Amino acid sequence: MNKNTHSNILSADNSLLIVVDLQAKLTAVMPEIEAELMHVNTSSLLEAAGSLNIPVLLTEQYPKGLGATDTVIIQKLPEATQIFDKTGFSCYAANGFQDALANTGRKQIILVGQETHVCVLQTALELVANGYDVYVVEDAVCSRKAEHKFYALQRLQQHGVTVTNYESVLFEWLRDSAHPEFKRISGWLR
């Protein structure tokens, strides 16, 4: 990374994308427009992560009861994506998650998924407590109630989490319009 670059700007070489509980049964109880936006934007981030060799970790909350990750999301996952089942709300509760996270060597963690005020919030706070730089993508997270998402994002900001949007993440990963993936990735935004 350029030494004159602000440390809060994402670097594709130091980023890790975590997809939190994007299971169809859970998505079905979210506001429809918000859920659709979350899926579309998460799909773009997953495709970009695959193109830019950014590792992805995915969790499923109690899949025995809530089912598997939505097939639209499964189809977009990079090949090496690791999937973790959990019953605890934070991703840290999933067996093997902490080791997988540490093994990537990445320090900038981008979070997408549901619900913002429960699993995303608890995961983000634990990541911060463990020395990671955490970015929650506001247009790729969802809660059943808009106010729950709003106050969760406020709370996260108060505790050092950066609230961002999916376009900012994509352009920070690219950094330059001369990037070989720029034309393809920017084409998704039209």
C-alpha atoms as a PDB file:
ATOM      1  CA  MET A   1       0.000   0.000   0.000  1.00  0.00           C
ATOM      2  CA  ASN A   2       1.197   3.506  -0.811  1.00  0.00           C
ATOM      3  CA  LYS A   3       2.581   5.001   2.399  1.00  0.00           C
ATOM      4  CA  ASN A   4       0.776   8.283   1.640  1.00  0.00           C
ATOM      5  CA  THR A   5      -2.621   6.543   1.539  1.00  0.00           C
ATOM      6  CA  HIS A   6      -4.990   6.958   4.471  1.00  0.00           C
ATOM      7  CA  SER A   7      -5.168   3.774   6.546  1.00  0.00           C
ATOM      8  CA  ASN A   8      -8.989   3.741   6.337  1.00  0.00           C
ATOM      9  CA  ILE A   9      -8.976   3.228   2.558  1.00  0.00           C
ATOM     10  CA  LEU A  10      -9.498  -0.427   1.738  1.00  0.00           C
ATOM     11  CA  SER A  11      -6.752  -2.417   0.046  1.00  0.00           C
ATOM     12  CA  ALA A  12      -7.587  -5.529  -1.980  1.00  0.00           C
ATOM     13  CA  ASP A  13      -4.404  -7.127  -0.603  1.00  0.00           C
ATOM     14  CA  ASN A  14      -5.495  -6.646   3.016  1.00  0.00           C
ATOM     15  CA  SER A  15      -9.276  -7.159   2.730  1.00  0.00           C
ATOM     16  CA  LEU A  16     -11.473 -10.074   3.744  1.00  0.00           C
ATOM     17  CA  LEU A  17     -15.217 -10.269   3.035  1.00  0.00           C
ATOM     18  CA  ILE A  18     -17.474 -11.920   5.609  1.00  0.00           C
ATOM     19  CA  VAL A  19     -21.018 -12.847   4.551  1.00  0.00           C
ATOM     20  CA  VAL A  20     -23.215 -13.192   7.634  1.00  0.00           C
ATOM     21  CA  ASP A  21     -26.246 -15.489   7.555  1.00  0.00           C
ATOM     22  CA  LEU A  22     -27.726 -14.790   4.119  1.00  0.00           C
ATOM     23  CA  GLN A  23     -30.172 -17.659   4.432  1.00  0.00           C
ATOM     24  CA  ALA A  24     -33.399 -17.676   2.443  1.00  0.00           C
ATOM     25  CA  LYS A  25     -35.697 -18.309   5.449  1.00  0.00           C
ATOM     26  CA  LEU A  26     -34.167 -15.342   7.291  1.00  0.00           C
ATOM     27  CA  THR A  27     -34.235 -13.096   4.222  1.00  0.00           C
ATOM     28  CA  ALA A  28     -37.942 -13.903   3.744  1.00  0.00           C
ATOM     29  CA  VAL A  29     -38.832 -11.933   6.903  1.00  0.00           C
ATOM     30  CA  MET A  30     -36.846  -8.834   5.884  1.00  0.00           C
ATOM     31  CA  PRO A  31     -38.386  -5.815   4.148  1.00  0.00           C
ATOM     32  CA  GLU A  32     -38.487  -6.885   0.485  1.00  0.00           C
ATOM     33  CA  ILE A  33     -36.772  -3.841  -1.065  1.00  0.00           C
ATOM     34  CA  GLU A  34     -33.988  -3.852   1.556  1.00  0.00           C
ATOM     35  CA  ALA A  35     -33.457  -7.594   1.145  1.00  0.00           C
ATOM     36  CA  GLU A  36     -33.240  -7.280  -2.642  1.00  0.00           C
ATOM     37  CA  LEU A  37     -30.682  -4.460  -2.351  1.00  0.00           C
ATOM     38  CA  MET A  38     -28.648  -6.512   0.131  1.00  0.00           C
ATOM     39  CA  HIS A  39     -28.579  -9.498  -2.252  1.00  0.00           C
ATOM     40  CA  VAL A  40     -27.692  -7.481  -5.357  1.00  0.00           C
ATOM     41  CA  ASN A  41     -24.912  -5.547  -3.628  1.00  0.00           C
ATOM     42  CA  THR A  42     -23.540  -8.618  -1.853  1.00  0.00           C
ATOM     43  CA  SER A  43     -23.482 -10.446  -5.202  1.00  0.00           C
ATOM     44  CA  SER A  44     -21.396  -7.632  -6.733  1.00  0.00           C
ATOM     45  CA  LEU A  45     -18.985  -7.709  -3.797  1.00  0.00           C
ATOM     46  CA  LEU A  46     -18.654 -11.503  -4.074  1.00  0.00           C
ATOM     47  CA  GLU A  47     -17.925 -11.349  -7.799  1.00  0.00           C
ATOM     48  CA  ALA A  48     -15.327  -8.638  -7.246  1.00  0.00           C
ATOM     49  CA  ALA A  49     -13.773 -10.602  -4.380  1.00  0.00           C
ATOM     50  CA  GLY A  50     -13.446 -13.595  -6.690  1.00  0.00           C
ATOM     51  CA  SER A  51     -11.822 -11.489  -9.432  1.00  0.00           C
ATOM     52  CA  LEU A  52      -9.435  -9.739  -7.045  1.00  0.00           C
ATOM     53  CA  ASN A  53      -8.439 -12.795  -4.945  1.00  0.00           C
ATOM     54  CA  ILE A  54     -10.049 -11.431  -1.789  1.00  0.00           C
ATOM     55  CA  PRO A  55     -10.867 -14.263   0.639  1.00  0.00           C
ATOM     56  CA  VAL A  56     -14.485 -14.812   1.681  1.00  0.00           C
ATOM     57  CA  LEU A  57     -15.824 -16.423   4.845  1.00  0.00           C
ATOM     58  CA  LEU A  58     -19.534 -17.212   5.104  1.00  0.00           C
ATOM     59  CA  THR A  59     -21.631 -18.124   8.132  1.00  0.00           C
ATOM     60  CA  GLU A  60     -25.018 -19.768   8.489  1.00  0.00           C
ATOM     61  CA  GLN A  61     -27.088 -19.227  11.637  1.00  0.00           C
ATOM     62  CA  TYR A  62     -28.583 -22.510  12.857  1.00  0.00           C
ATOM     63  CA  PRO A  63     -28.935 -23.991   9.343  1.00  0.00           C
ATOM     64  CA  LYS A  64     -30.896 -26.958  10.735  1.00  0.00           C
ATOM     65  CA  GLY A  65     -33.768 -24.553  11.449  1.00  0.00           C
ATOM     66  CA  LEU A  66     -33.095 -21.606   9.123  1.00  0.00           C
ATOM     67  CA  GLY A  67     -31.878 -23.573   6.114  1.00  0.00           C
ATOM     68  CA  ALA A  68     -28.873 -23.033   3.885  1.00  0.00           C
ATOM     69  CA  THR A  69     -27.536 -19.848   2.334  1.00  0.00           C
ATOM     70  CA  ASP A  70     -29.670 -18.459  -0.489  1.00  0.00           C
ATOM     71  CA  THR A  71     -28.764 -20.159  -3.791  1.00  0.00           C
ATOM     72  CA  VAL A  72     -28.208 -16.780  -5.518  1.00  0.00           C
ATOM     73  CA  ILE A  73     -25.420 -16.080  -3.006  1.00  0.00           C
ATOM     74  CA  ILE A  74     -24.011 -19.644  -3.142  1.00  0.00           C
ATOM     75  CA  GLN A  75     -23.612 -19.325  -6.920  1.00  0.00           C
ATOM     76  CA  LYS A  76     -21.524 -16.150  -6.518  1.00  0.00           C
ATOM     77  CA  LEU A  77     -19.109 -17.503  -3.892  1.00  0.00           C
ATOM     78  CA  PRO A  78     -15.446 -17.713  -4.891  1.00  0.00           C
ATOM     79  CA  GLU A  79     -14.251 -21.329  -5.010  1.00  0.00           C
ATOM     80  CA  ALA A  80     -12.124 -21.187  -1.850  1.00  0.00           C
ATOM     81  CA  THR A  81     -14.911 -19.737   0.359  1.00  0.00           C
ATOM     82  CA  GLN A  82     -15.079 -21.358   3.782  1.00  0.00           C
ATOM     83  CA  ILE A  83     -18.575 -21.871   5.267  1.00  0.00           C
ATOM     84  CA  PHE A  84     -19.225 -22.023   9.009  1.00  0.00           C
ATOM     85  CA  ASP A  85     -22.367 -23.144  10.862  1.00  0.00           C
ATOM     86  CA  LYS A  86     -23.133 -21.345  14.100  1.00  0.00           C
ATOM     87  CA  THR A  87     -25.713 -21.092  16.836  1.00  0.00           C
ATOM     88  CA  GLY A  88     -24.088 -18.145  18.612  1.00  0.00           C
ATOM     89  CA  PHE A  89     -24.929 -14.768  17.117  1.00  0.00           C
ATOM     90  CA  SER A  90     -21.374 -13.542  16.570  1.00  0.00           C
ATOM     91  CA  CYS A  91     -19.380 -15.251  13.828  1.00  0.00           C
ATOM     92  CA  TYR A  92     -16.693 -15.696  16.486  1.00  0.00           C
ATOM     93  CA  ALA A  93     -18.917 -18.422  17.995  1.00  0.00           C
ATOM     94  CA  ALA A  94     -18.569 -20.660  14.918  1.00  0.00           C
ATOM     95  CA  ASN A  95     -16.131 -23.565  15.272  1.00  0.00           C
ATOM     96  CA  GLY A  96     -12.951 -22.835  13.330  1.00  0.00           C
ATOM     97  CA  PHE A  97     -13.952 -19.291  12.384  1.00  0.00           C
ATOM     98  CA  GLN A  98     -11.289 -17.498  14.445  1.00  0.00           C
ATOM     99  CA  ASP A  99      -8.503 -19.700  13.066  1.00  0.00           C
ATOM    100  CA  ALA A 100      -9.707 -19.256   9.474  1.00  0.00           C
ATOM    101  CA  LEU A 101      -9.831 -15.497  10.002  1.00  0.00           C
ATOM    102  CA  ALA A 102      -6.326 -15.364  11.489  1.00  0.00           C
ATOM    103  CA  ASN A 103      -4.922 -17.639   8.763  1.00  0.00           C
ATOM    104  CA  THR A 104      -5.849 -15.140   6.040  1.00  0.00           C
ATOM    105  CA  GLY A 105      -3.485 -12.563   7.534  1.00  0.00           C
ATOM    106  CA  ARG A 106      -5.961  -9.871   6.453  1.00  0.00           C
ATOM    107  CA  LYS A 107      -6.810  -6.971   8.794  1.00  0.00           C
ATOM    108  CA  GLN A 108      -9.507  -5.046   6.887  1.00  0.00           C
ATOM    109  CA  ILE A 109     -12.777  -6.913   7.382  1.00  0.00           C
ATOM    110  CA  ILE A 110     -15.825  -6.085   5.272  1.00  0.00           C
ATOM    111  CA  LEU A 111     -19.153  -7.306   6.705  1.00  0.00           C
ATOM    112  CA  VAL A 112     -22.400  -7.887   4.831  1.00  0.00           C
ATOM    113  CA  GLY A 113     -25.509  -9.834   5.822  1.00  0.00           C
ATOM    114  CA  GLN A 114     -28.286 -10.000   8.344  1.00  0.00           C
ATOM    115  CA  GLU A 115     -29.426  -9.008  10.854  1.00  0.00           C
ATOM    116  CA  THR A 116     -27.555  -5.741  11.303  1.00  0.00           C
ATOM    117  CA  HIS A 117     -28.490  -5.271  14.958  1.00  0.00           C
ATOM    118  CA  VAL A 118     -27.762  -8.867  16.029  1.00  0.00           C
ATOM    119  CA  CYS A 119     -25.237 -11.048  14.188  1.00  0.00           C
ATOM    120  CA  VAL A 120     -23.542  -8.296  12.165  1.00  0.00           C
ATOM    121  CA  LEU A 121     -23.271  -6.009  15.209  1.00  0.00           C
ATOM    122  CA  GLN A 122     -21.922  -8.673  17.578  1.00  0.00           C
ATOM    123  CA  THR A 123     -19.429  -9.899  14.974  1.00  0.00           C
ATOM    124  CA  ALA A 124     -18.216  -6.372  14.205  1.00  0.00           C
ATOM    125  CA  LEU A 125     -17.691  -5.491  17.862  1.00  0.00           C
ATOM    126  CA  GLU A 126     -15.735  -8.701  18.499  1.00  0.00           C
ATOM    127  CA  LEU A 127     -13.598  -8.061  15.421  1.00  0.00           C
ATOM    128  CA  VAL A 128     -12.781  -4.542  16.670  1.00  0.00           C
ATOM    129  CA  ALA A 129     -11.952  -5.940  20.127  1.00  0.00           C
ATOM    130  CA  ASN A 130      -9.502  -8.320  18.440  1.00  0.00           C
ATOM    131  CA  GLY A 131      -7.627  -5.627  16.524  1.00  0.00           C
ATOM    132  CA  TYR A 132      -9.306  -5.728  13.120  1.00  0.00           C
ATOM    133  CA  ASP A 133     -10.379  -2.720  11.042  1.00  0.00           C
ATOM    134  CA  VAL A 134     -14.065  -3.331  10.397  1.00  0.00           C
ATOM    135  CA  TYR A 135     -16.232  -1.972   7.580  1.00  0.00           C
ATOM    136  CA  VAL A 136     -19.985  -2.601   7.555  1.00  0.00           C
ATOM    137  CA  VAL A 137     -21.573  -2.147   4.128  1.00  0.00           C
ATOM    138  CA  GLU A 138     -24.791  -0.256   4.885  1.00  0.00           C
ATOM    139  CA  ASP A 139     -26.453  -1.136   1.581  1.00  0.00           C
ATOM    140  CA  ALA A 140     -25.577  -4.843   1.944  1.00  0.00           C
ATOM    141  CA  VAL A 141     -26.915  -5.393   5.480  1.00  0.00           C
ATOM    142  CA  CYS A 142     -30.501  -5.726   6.620  1.00  0.00           C
ATOM    143  CA  SER A 143     -32.740  -5.918   9.698  1.00  0.00           C
ATOM    144  CA  ARG A 144     -36.430  -6.693   9.976  1.00  0.00           C
ATOM    145  CA  LYS A 145     -37.037  -3.147  11.210  1.00  0.00           C
ATOM    146  CA  ALA A 146     -35.382  -0.090   9.653  1.00  0.00           C
ATOM    147  CA  GLU A 147     -34.829   1.563  13.037  1.00  0.00           C
ATOM    148  CA  HIS A 148     -32.955  -1.501  14.315  1.00  0.00           C
ATOM    149  CA  LYS A 149     -30.534  -1.222  11.387  1.00  0.00           C
ATOM    150  CA  PHE A 150     -30.227   2.552  11.812  1.00  0.00           C
ATOM    151  CA  TYR A 151     -29.340   2.408  15.509  1.00  0.00           C
ATOM    152  CA  ALA A 152     -27.046  -0.584  15.048  1.00  0.00           C
ATOM    153  CA  LEU A 153     -25.038   1.344  12.440  1.00  0.00           C
ATOM    154  CA  GLN A 154     -24.875   4.345  14.794  1.00  0.00           C
ATOM    155  CA  ARG A 155     -23.691   2.161  17.647  1.00  0.00           C
ATOM    156  CA  LEU A 156     -21.066   0.505  15.457  1.00  0.00           C
ATOM    157  CA  GLN A 157     -19.691   3.888  14.370  1.00  0.00           C
ATOM    158  CA  GLN A 158     -19.429   4.916  18.019  1.00  0.00           C
ATOM    159  CA  HIS A 159     -17.191   1.894  18.582  1.00  0.00           C
ATOM    160  CA  GLY A 160     -14.786   2.461  15.702  1.00  0.00           C
ATOM    161  CA  VAL A 161     -16.489   0.575  12.874  1.00  0.00           C
ATOM    162  CA  THR A 162     -16.514   2.281   9.475  1.00  0.00           C
ATOM    163  CA  VAL A 163     -19.945   2.356   7.854  1.00  0.00           C
ATOM    164  CA  THR A 164     -19.520   2.344   4.088  1.00  0.00           C
ATOM    165  CA  ASN A 165     -21.396   1.333   0.935  1.00  0.00           C
ATOM    166  CA  TYR A 166     -20.733  -1.305  -1.679  1.00  0.00           C
ATOM    167  CA  GLU A 167     -19.593   1.146  -4.399  1.00  0.00           C
ATOM    168  CA  SER A 168     -16.972   2.651  -2.095  1.00  0.00           C
ATOM    169  CA  VAL A 169     -15.675  -0.839  -1.313  1.00  0.00           C
ATOM    170  CA  LEU A 170     -15.436  -1.751  -5.007  1.00  0.00           C
ATOM    171  CA  PHE A 171     -13.634   1.453  -6.010  1.00  0.00           C
ATOM    172  CA  GLU A 172     -11.250   1.255  -3.045  1.00  0.00           C
ATOM    173  CA  TRP A 173     -10.378  -2.318  -4.018  1.00  0.00           C
ATOM    174  CA  LEU A 174      -9.690  -1.135  -7.591  1.00  0.00           C
ATOM    175  CA  ARG A 175      -7.961   2.152  -6.638  1.00  0.00           C
ATOM    176  CA  ASP A 176      -7.423   3.206 -10.272  1.00  0.00           C
ATOM    177  CA  SER A 177      -9.389   3.224 -13.530  1.00  0.00           C
ATOM    178  CA  ALA A 178      -6.302   1.642 -15.127  1.00  0.00           C
ATOM    179  CA  HIS A 179      -6.888  -1.527 -13.031  1.00  0.00           C
ATOM    180  CA  PRO A 180      -7.402  -4.528 -15.348  1.00  0.00           C
ATOM    181  CA  GLU A 181     -10.762  -5.325 -13.666  1.00  0.00           C
ATOM    182  CA  PHE A 182     -12.045  -1.716 -13.688  1.00  0.00           C
ATOM    183  CA  LYS A 183     -14.152  -1.873 -16.835  1.00  0.00           C
ATOM    184  CA  ARG A 184     -15.879  -5.121 -15.857  1.00  0.00           C
ATOM    185  CA  ILE A 185     -16.525  -4.173 -12.216  1.00  0.00           C
ATOM    186  CA  SER A 186     -17.606  -0.591 -12.923  1.00  0.00           C
ATOM    187  CA  GLY A 187     -19.988  -1.975 -15.550  1.00  0.00           C
ATOM    188  CA  TRP A 188     -22.074  -3.528 -12.749  1.00  0.00           C
ATOM    189  CA  LEU A 189     -22.827  -0.067 -11.376  1.00  0.00           C
ATOM    190  CA  ARG A 190     -24.726   1.263 -14.375  1.00  0.00           C
END
